[in-house]
Structure formats: C-alpha cells, structure tokens
Amino acid sequence: MTRKDYDLLAACIGGSLSDSRNSSDTVYDLMRRLVCELRLDNPKFDVDKFSQRVEYWKRSHSNG
C-alpha cells in the first residue's frame, strides 16, 4: 500500500468519527482492527502517524 492509500483509509475513518450517526466506539474498534492488519502488511507502518491523520480528517469533516 502507498501513503496515499493509508491517507484514504484515515480520511474515511475520520469522516466516520465526525458523523454523529456513527458510534465512535464501533469506529475506533474498526480502526484498531485495521491497524493490526496494516502492521502485518507493513512492519514499518507508523500507528501514531496514522492516528494523527485520522484526527486531522475527523476535525476536517466536523460540522463545528
């Protein structure tokens, strides 16, 4: 996967977290599961950087 792919995933998760119709617990659970798989796929995968991108996209999609 490329950095662009990781950013796309982060944007989708961040957008889901900003949507009040979604349960944040469910979305965070999905993110934790996805991170485990991404780390298996790429040992250099940076969880902190990915989490920062999710938060960035969460703020970008929020309505306030």
Protein backbone atom coordinates (compact mmCIF):
# COMPACT_ATOMS: atom_id res chain seq x y z
CA MET A 1 0.00 0.00 0.00
CA THR A 2 1.08 3.55 -0.59
CA ARG A 3 0.96 6.59 1.66
CA LYS A 4 -1.98 7.78 -0.44
CA ASP A 5 -3.85 4.54 0.40
CA TYR A 6 -3.19 5.00 4.12
CA ASP A 7 -4.39 8.60 3.94
CA LEU A 8 -7.56 7.49 2.17
CA LEU A 9 -8.27 5.00 4.97
CA ALA A 10 -7.57 7.68 7.59
CA ALA A 11 -9.92 10.09 5.81
CA CYS A 12 -12.72 7.52 5.76
CA ILE A 13 -12.28 6.70 9.44
CA GLY A 14 -12.00 10.37 10.41
CA GLY A 15 -15.13 11.20 8.44
CA SER A 16 -16.99 8.36 10.13
CA LEU A 17 -15.91 9.58 13.56
CA SER A 18 -17.18 13.08 12.84
CA ASP A 19 -20.59 11.76 11.76
CA SER A 20 -22.84 11.80 14.83
CA ARG A 21 -24.92 8.95 13.38
CA ASN A 22 -21.98 6.56 13.90
CA SER A 23 -20.97 5.05 17.22
CA SER A 24 -17.44 6.25 17.90
CA ASP A 25 -16.75 3.04 19.87
CA THR A 26 -17.57 0.97 16.79
CA VAL A 27 -15.43 3.15 14.51
CA TYR A 28 -12.47 3.08 16.93
CA ASP A 29 -12.82 -0.71 17.17
CA LEU A 30 -12.71 -0.92 13.39
CA MET A 31 -9.64 1.33 13.36
CA ARG A 32 -7.85 -0.86 15.96
CA ARG A 33 -8.56 -3.98 13.91
CA LEU A 34 -7.46 -2.30 10.70
CA VAL A 35 -4.24 -1.05 12.31
CA CYS A 36 -3.37 -4.63 13.33
CA GLU A 37 -3.75 -5.76 9.74
CA LEU A 38 -1.82 -2.79 8.35
CA ARG A 39 1.06 -3.55 10.73
CA LEU A 40 1.13 -7.15 9.50
CA ASP A 41 1.18 -5.92 5.91
CA ASN A 42 3.90 -3.33 6.56
CA PRO A 43 6.20 -3.67 9.59
CA LYS A 44 7.22 0.00 9.15
CA PHE A 45 3.61 1.15 9.47
CA ASP A 46 3.53 4.11 11.88
CA VAL A 47 0.46 3.82 14.11
CA ASP A 48 1.00 7.26 15.66
CA LYS A 49 1.21 8.98 12.29
CA PHE A 50 -1.89 7.14 11.09
CA SER A 51 -3.80 8.15 14.23
CA GLN A 52 -2.77 11.77 13.71
CA ARG A 53 -4.13 11.65 10.16
CA VAL A 54 -7.41 10.15 11.41
CA GLU A 55 -7.75 13.01 13.91
CA TYR A 56 -6.89 15.54 11.19
CA TRP A 57 -9.63 14.17 8.94
CA LYS A 58 -12.04 13.96 11.88
CA ARG A 59 -11.57 17.70 12.51
CA SER A 60 -11.79 18.45 8.78
CA HIS A 61 -15.15 16.69 8.49
CA SER A 62 -16.68 18.01 11.70
CA ASN A 63 -19.54 20.44 11.47
CA GLY A 64 -18.30 22.78 14.14
